[in-house]
C-alpha cells in the first residue's frame, strides 16, 4: 500500500489506455484542479471514486485504493450487490475502451486533416 498517492502509477495506467487526467476527472465528475489535488495527495478519494477509477483503469478497487494512499477506502460490497457491481464494472470497462477508440479515431482524423 502506498503511503502517498502514486501519481506515476496512475499516469502510466492512463497513458497505456490512451487517456488523460482530464478524462479521469470527467469520469469522476471532478475539475482539473480537483484532479491535480488528487495527484498532490491533497484530496481524499471516496469508495465510489475508487470503484470508478478501477473500472476505467482496468484494475481492482483494492489495487487503486492501495496506490491512492494509505487513507483511501477499499470499497466493500455485500454479496447481493456484488453481481450488480461486477456488471457495472464491465460496463465501465467497455465504456473506457470505447472512449480510448474514440480518442484514437479523433487523433487520426486530426492528423490526416
N, C-alpha and C. Protein backbone atom coordinates (compact mmCIF):
# COMPACT_ATOMS: atom_id res chain seq x y z
N UNK A 1 0.84 -1.18 0.00
CA UNK A 1 0.00 0.00 0.00
C UNK A 1 0.89 1.24 0.00
N UNK A 2 0.55 2.17 -0.86
CA UNK A 2 1.33 3.41 -0.96
C UNK A 2 0.98 4.32 0.22
N UNK A 3 2.00 4.94 0.74
CA UNK A 3 1.79 5.90 1.81
C UNK A 3 1.13 7.15 1.24
N UNK A 4 1.55 7.55 0.04
CA UNK A 4 1.02 8.72 -0.63
C UNK A 4 0.48 8.32 -2.00
N UNK A 5 -0.24 9.21 -2.63
CA UNK A 5 -0.81 8.97 -3.95
C UNK A 5 0.31 8.67 -4.94
N UNK A 6 0.23 7.53 -5.60
CA UNK A 6 1.27 7.08 -6.53
C UNK A 6 0.97 7.65 -7.93
N UNK A 7 1.31 8.90 -8.11
CA UNK A 7 0.96 9.61 -9.35
C UNK A 7 1.59 8.96 -10.59
N UNK A 8 2.80 8.44 -10.47
CA UNK A 8 3.43 7.84 -11.65
C UNK A 8 2.69 6.57 -12.08
N UNK A 9 2.20 5.78 -11.13
CA UNK A 9 1.43 4.59 -11.48
C UNK A 9 0.14 4.97 -12.22
N UNK A 10 -0.57 5.97 -11.68
CA UNK A 10 -1.82 6.41 -12.31
C UNK A 10 -1.55 7.01 -13.69
N UNK A 11 -0.52 7.83 -13.81
CA UNK A 11 -0.18 8.41 -15.12
C UNK A 11 0.15 7.31 -16.14
N UNK A 12 0.90 6.31 -15.71
CA UNK A 12 1.27 5.21 -16.60
C UNK A 12 0.04 4.44 -17.04
N UNK A 13 -0.87 4.15 -16.11
CA UNK A 13 -2.10 3.42 -16.46
C UNK A 13 -2.94 4.23 -17.44
N UNK A 14 -3.10 5.52 -17.16
CA UNK A 14 -3.89 6.37 -18.05
C UNK A 14 -3.27 6.38 -19.45
N UNK A 15 -1.97 6.60 -19.50
CA UNK A 15 -1.28 6.69 -20.79
C UNK A 15 -1.42 5.38 -21.57
N UNK A 16 -1.31 4.25 -20.89
CA UNK A 16 -1.41 2.96 -21.57
C UNK A 16 -2.79 2.74 -22.18
N UNK A 17 -3.79 3.43 -21.66
CA UNK A 17 -5.15 3.33 -22.18
C UNK A 17 -5.50 4.46 -23.14
N UNK A 18 -4.53 5.35 -23.38
CA UNK A 18 -4.78 6.49 -24.26
C UNK A 18 -5.67 7.53 -23.61
N UNK A 19 -5.65 7.58 -22.29
CA UNK A 19 -6.49 8.51 -21.54
C UNK A 19 -5.62 9.55 -20.84
N UNK A 20 -6.26 10.62 -20.42
CA UNK A 20 -5.56 11.69 -19.73
C UNK A 20 -6.14 11.89 -18.33
N UNK A 21 -5.49 12.70 -17.56
CA UNK A 21 -6.02 13.06 -16.25
C UNK A 21 -7.38 13.74 -16.40
N UNK A 22 -7.52 14.52 -17.46
CA UNK A 22 -8.79 15.19 -17.73
C UNK A 22 -9.90 14.18 -17.97
N UNK A 23 -9.60 13.11 -18.70
CA UNK A 23 -10.59 12.05 -18.92
C UNK A 23 -11.01 11.42 -17.60
N UNK A 24 -10.04 11.18 -16.73
CA UNK A 24 -10.34 10.62 -15.41
C UNK A 24 -11.23 11.58 -14.63
N UNK A 25 -10.89 12.86 -14.69
CA UNK A 25 -11.68 13.87 -13.98
C UNK A 25 -13.13 13.87 -14.45
N UNK A 26 -13.33 13.77 -15.75
CA UNK A 26 -14.69 13.74 -16.29
C UNK A 26 -15.44 12.52 -15.77
N UNK A 27 -14.76 11.38 -15.71
CA UNK A 27 -15.39 10.16 -15.20
C UNK A 27 -15.79 10.28 -13.74
N UNK A 28 -15.00 11.02 -12.98
CA UNK A 28 -15.26 11.20 -11.55
C UNK A 28 -16.12 12.42 -11.25
N UNK A 29 -16.35 13.25 -12.28
CA UNK A 29 -17.11 14.49 -12.05
C UNK A 29 -16.27 15.53 -11.31
N UNK A 30 -14.96 15.51 -11.54
CA UNK A 30 -14.04 16.45 -10.88
C UNK A 30 -13.44 17.40 -11.90
N UNK A 31 -13.12 18.60 -11.44
CA UNK A 31 -12.45 19.57 -12.29
C UNK A 31 -10.97 19.20 -12.41
N UNK A 32 -10.29 19.84 -13.36
CA UNK A 32 -8.86 19.59 -13.50
C UNK A 32 -8.11 19.99 -12.23
N UNK A 33 -8.56 21.05 -11.58
CA UNK A 33 -7.94 21.49 -10.33
C UNK A 33 -8.11 20.43 -9.24
N UNK A 34 -9.30 19.82 -9.18
CA UNK A 34 -9.55 18.78 -8.17
C UNK A 34 -8.72 17.52 -8.47
N UNK A 35 -8.54 17.20 -9.75
CA UNK A 35 -7.69 16.06 -10.12
C UNK A 35 -6.24 16.35 -9.71
N UNK A 36 -5.78 17.58 -9.94
CA UNK A 36 -4.43 17.95 -9.53
C UNK A 36 -4.26 17.79 -8.02
N UNK A 37 -5.31 18.10 -7.26
CA UNK A 37 -5.26 17.90 -5.81
C UNK A 37 -5.08 16.42 -5.46
N UNK A 38 -5.72 15.54 -6.22
CA UNK A 38 -5.50 14.10 -6.01
C UNK A 38 -4.04 13.75 -6.22
N UNK A 39 -3.49 14.22 -7.35
CA UNK A 39 -2.10 13.90 -7.70
C UNK A 39 -1.13 14.45 -6.66
N UNK A 40 -1.50 15.54 -6.01
CA UNK A 40 -0.63 16.13 -4.97
C UNK A 40 -0.93 15.54 -3.59
N UNK A 41 -1.84 14.56 -3.55
CA UNK A 41 -2.25 13.93 -2.29
C UNK A 41 -2.90 14.93 -1.34
N UNK A 42 -3.65 15.87 -1.91
CA UNK A 42 -4.33 16.88 -1.12
C UNK A 42 -5.85 16.69 -1.13
N UNK A 43 -6.31 15.63 -1.76
CA UNK A 43 -7.73 15.35 -1.85
C UNK A 43 -7.95 13.86 -1.60
N UNK A 44 -8.93 13.54 -0.79
CA UNK A 44 -9.24 12.14 -0.47
C UNK A 44 -10.22 11.57 -1.49
N UNK A 45 -10.05 10.31 -1.79
CA UNK A 45 -10.99 9.60 -2.65
C UNK A 45 -12.06 8.94 -1.79
N UNK A 46 -13.27 8.87 -2.34
CA UNK A 46 -14.35 8.13 -1.70
C UNK A 46 -14.37 6.73 -2.31
N UNK A 47 -15.04 5.81 -1.64
CA UNK A 47 -15.11 4.44 -2.13
C UNK A 47 -15.68 4.39 -3.55
N UNK A 48 -16.69 5.19 -3.85
CA UNK A 48 -17.28 5.20 -5.19
C UNK A 48 -16.26 5.70 -6.22
N UNK A 49 -15.43 6.67 -5.85
CA UNK A 49 -14.37 7.15 -6.75
C UNK A 49 -13.41 6.01 -7.07
N UNK A 50 -13.08 5.23 -6.07
CA UNK A 50 -12.17 4.10 -6.25
C UNK A 50 -12.77 3.09 -7.22
N UNK A 51 -14.06 2.81 -7.08
CA UNK A 51 -14.74 1.88 -8.00
C UNK A 51 -14.66 2.38 -9.43
N UNK A 52 -14.96 3.66 -9.63
CA UNK A 52 -14.95 4.24 -10.98
C UNK A 52 -13.54 4.19 -11.56
N UNK A 53 -12.57 4.59 -10.77
CA UNK A 53 -11.18 4.58 -11.24
C UNK A 53 -10.74 3.17 -11.60
N UNK A 54 -11.11 2.20 -10.78
CA UNK A 54 -10.73 0.81 -11.04
C UNK A 54 -11.31 0.34 -12.37
N UNK A 55 -12.57 0.64 -12.60
CA UNK A 55 -13.20 0.24 -13.86
C UNK A 55 -12.54 0.92 -15.05
N UNK A 56 -12.26 2.19 -14.92
CA UNK A 56 -11.66 2.95 -16.01
C UNK A 56 -10.24 2.48 -16.30
N UNK A 57 -9.49 2.17 -15.26
CA UNK A 57 -8.08 1.79 -15.41
C UNK A 57 -7.86 0.30 -15.60
N UNK A 58 -8.93 -0.49 -15.52
CA UNK A 58 -8.79 -1.93 -15.67
C UNK A 58 -8.01 -2.55 -14.52
N UNK A 59 -8.23 -2.04 -13.34
CA UNK A 59 -7.55 -2.53 -12.14
C UNK A 59 -8.60 -2.91 -11.11
N UNK A 60 -8.18 -3.56 -10.05
CA UNK A 60 -9.12 -3.89 -8.98
C UNK A 60 -9.27 -2.67 -8.07
N UNK A 61 -10.42 -2.55 -7.39
CA UNK A 61 -10.57 -1.46 -6.43
C UNK A 61 -9.48 -1.49 -5.35
N UNK A 62 -9.09 -2.68 -4.92
CA UNK A 62 -8.05 -2.79 -3.89
C UNK A 62 -6.72 -2.24 -4.40
N UNK A 63 -6.40 -2.51 -5.68
CA UNK A 63 -5.15 -2.01 -6.25
C UNK A 63 -5.19 -0.48 -6.35
N UNK A 64 -6.31 0.06 -6.81
CA UNK A 64 -6.43 1.52 -6.92
C UNK A 64 -6.34 2.16 -5.54
N UNK A 65 -7.07 1.61 -4.58
CA UNK A 65 -7.02 2.16 -3.22
C UNK A 65 -5.61 2.08 -2.65
N UNK A 66 -4.93 0.98 -2.91
CA UNK A 66 -3.56 0.82 -2.42
C UNK A 66 -2.59 1.81 -3.03
N UNK A 67 -2.82 2.18 -4.27
CA UNK A 67 -1.95 3.14 -4.97
C UNK A 67 -2.34 4.58 -4.68
N UNK A 68 -3.55 4.78 -4.14
CA UNK A 68 -4.06 6.14 -3.92
C UNK A 68 -3.69 6.70 -2.56
N UNK A 69 -3.04 5.94 -1.73
CA UNK A 69 -2.61 6.46 -0.44
C UNK A 69 -3.21 5.68 0.71
N UNK A 70 -2.59 5.81 1.83
CA UNK A 70 -2.91 4.98 2.98
C UNK A 70 -4.33 5.19 3.52
N UNK A 71 -4.89 6.37 3.36
CA UNK A 71 -6.22 6.62 3.93
C UNK A 71 -7.36 6.37 2.94
N UNK A 72 -7.06 5.86 1.77
CA UNK A 72 -8.09 5.62 0.76
C UNK A 72 -8.89 4.37 1.10
N UNK A 73 -10.22 4.50 1.12
CA UNK A 73 -11.04 3.33 1.46
C UNK A 73 -11.10 2.31 0.33
N UNK A 74 -11.03 1.06 0.70
CA UNK A 74 -11.25 -0.02 -0.26
C UNK A 74 -12.75 -0.30 -0.22
N UNK A 75 -13.42 -0.19 -1.38
CA UNK A 75 -14.87 -0.40 -1.37
C UNK A 75 -15.22 -1.80 -0.87
N UNK A 76 -16.27 -1.87 -0.05
CA UNK A 76 -16.77 -3.15 0.46
C UNK A 76 -18.16 -3.35 -0.10
N UNK A 77 -18.37 -4.51 -0.65
CA UNK A 77 -19.66 -4.83 -1.25
C UNK A 77 -20.23 -6.06 -0.59
N UNK A 78 -21.55 -6.03 -0.36
CA UNK A 78 -22.16 -7.25 0.16
C UNK A 78 -22.44 -8.20 -1.01
N UNK A 79 -22.74 -9.44 -0.72
CA UNK A 79 -22.91 -10.45 -1.76
C UNK A 79 -24.02 -10.10 -2.74
N UNK A 80 -25.10 -9.49 -2.28
CA UNK A 80 -26.22 -9.15 -3.17
C UNK A 80 -25.83 -8.08 -4.18
N UNK A 81 -25.02 -7.15 -3.76
CA UNK A 81 -24.63 -6.05 -4.65
C UNK A 81 -23.46 -6.43 -5.55
N UNK A 82 -22.76 -7.50 -5.22
CA UNK A 82 -21.55 -7.85 -5.97
C UNK A 82 -21.83 -8.11 -7.44
N UNK A 83 -22.89 -8.83 -7.75
CA UNK A 83 -23.16 -9.13 -9.16
C UNK A 83 -23.52 -7.86 -9.93
N UNK A 84 -24.26 -6.96 -9.31
CA UNK A 84 -24.60 -5.69 -9.96
C UNK A 84 -23.34 -4.88 -10.17
N UNK A 85 -22.49 -4.83 -9.17
CA UNK A 85 -21.25 -4.07 -9.29
C UNK A 85 -20.32 -4.69 -10.32
N UNK A 86 -20.30 -6.01 -10.41
CA UNK A 86 -19.49 -6.67 -11.45
C UNK A 86 -19.98 -6.25 -12.83
N UNK A 87 -21.30 -6.24 -13.01
CA UNK A 87 -21.86 -5.82 -14.30
C UNK A 87 -21.51 -4.36 -14.58
N UNK A 88 -21.63 -3.51 -13.58
CA UNK A 88 -21.28 -2.09 -13.76
C UNK A 88 -19.81 -1.93 -14.08
N UNK A 89 -18.97 -2.72 -13.43
CA UNK A 89 -17.53 -2.67 -13.72
C UNK A 89 -17.26 -3.05 -15.18
N UNK A 90 -17.96 -4.10 -15.65
CA UNK A 90 -17.77 -4.50 -17.06
C UNK A 90 -18.27 -3.41 -18.00
N UNK A 91 -19.39 -2.78 -17.65
CA UNK A 91 -19.91 -1.68 -18.48
C UNK A 91 -18.92 -0.52 -18.47
N UNK A 92 -18.42 -0.16 -17.29
CA UNK A 92 -17.45 0.93 -17.19
C UNK A 92 -16.19 0.62 -17.99
N UNK A 93 -15.73 -0.62 -17.93
CA UNK A 93 -14.53 -1.00 -18.67
C UNK A 93 -14.78 -0.91 -20.18
N UNK A 94 -15.96 -1.36 -20.60
CA UNK A 94 -16.31 -1.27 -22.02
C UNK A 94 -16.38 0.19 -22.46
N UNK A 95 -16.98 1.03 -21.62
CA UNK A 95 -17.04 2.46 -21.94
C UNK A 95 -15.64 3.07 -22.03
N UNK A 96 -14.76 2.66 -21.15
CA UNK A 96 -13.39 3.17 -21.19
C UNK A 96 -12.71 2.74 -22.48
N UNK A 97 -12.94 1.49 -22.89
CA UNK A 97 -12.35 1.00 -24.13
C UNK A 97 -12.91 1.77 -25.32
N UNK A 98 -14.21 2.02 -25.31
CA UNK A 98 -14.83 2.80 -26.39
C UNK A 98 -14.27 4.22 -26.42
N UNK A 99 -14.08 4.79 -25.25
CA UNK A 99 -13.53 6.14 -25.16
C UNK A 99 -12.12 6.17 -25.75
N UNK A 100 -11.35 5.16 -25.46
CA UNK A 100 -10.00 5.06 -26.00
C UNK A 100 -10.04 5.00 -27.52
N UNK A 101 -10.95 4.19 -28.05
CA UNK A 101 -11.09 4.10 -29.50
C UNK A 101 -11.51 5.42 -30.11
N UNK A 102 -12.45 6.11 -29.49
CA UNK A 102 -12.91 7.40 -29.99
C UNK A 102 -11.76 8.40 -30.00
N UNK A 103 -10.95 8.41 -28.94
CA UNK A 103 -9.79 9.31 -28.89
C UNK A 103 -8.80 8.98 -30.00
N UNK A 104 -8.58 7.69 -30.23
CA UNK A 104 -7.64 7.28 -31.29
C UNK A 104 -8.15 7.70 -32.65
N UNK A 105 -9.44 7.53 -32.88
CA UNK A 105 -10.03 7.95 -34.17
C UNK A 105 -9.94 9.44 -34.31
N UNK A 106 -10.23 10.18 -33.25
CA UNK A 106 -10.16 11.64 -33.28
C UNK A 106 -8.74 12.11 -33.60
N UNK A 107 -7.75 11.47 -32.96
CA UNK A 107 -6.36 11.84 -33.24
C UNK A 107 -5.99 11.55 -34.70
N UNK A 108 -6.46 10.40 -35.21
CA UNK A 108 -6.16 10.04 -36.59
C UNK A 108 -6.80 11.01 -37.56
N UNK A 109 -8.03 11.42 -37.28
CA UNK A 109 -8.74 12.36 -38.15
C UNK A 109 -8.03 13.71 -38.14
N UNK A 110 -7.63 14.16 -36.96
CA UNK A 110 -6.93 15.45 -36.86
C UNK A 110 -5.58 15.40 -37.58
N UNK A 111 -4.89 14.25 -37.46
CA UNK A 111 -3.59 14.09 -38.09
C UNK A 111 -3.73 14.11 -39.62
N UNK A 112 -4.79 13.49 -40.12
CA UNK A 112 -5.00 13.40 -41.56
C UNK A 112 -5.63 14.66 -42.15
N UNK A 113 -6.15 15.52 -41.29
CA UNK A 113 -6.84 16.73 -41.80
C UNK A 113 -5.85 17.77 -42.31
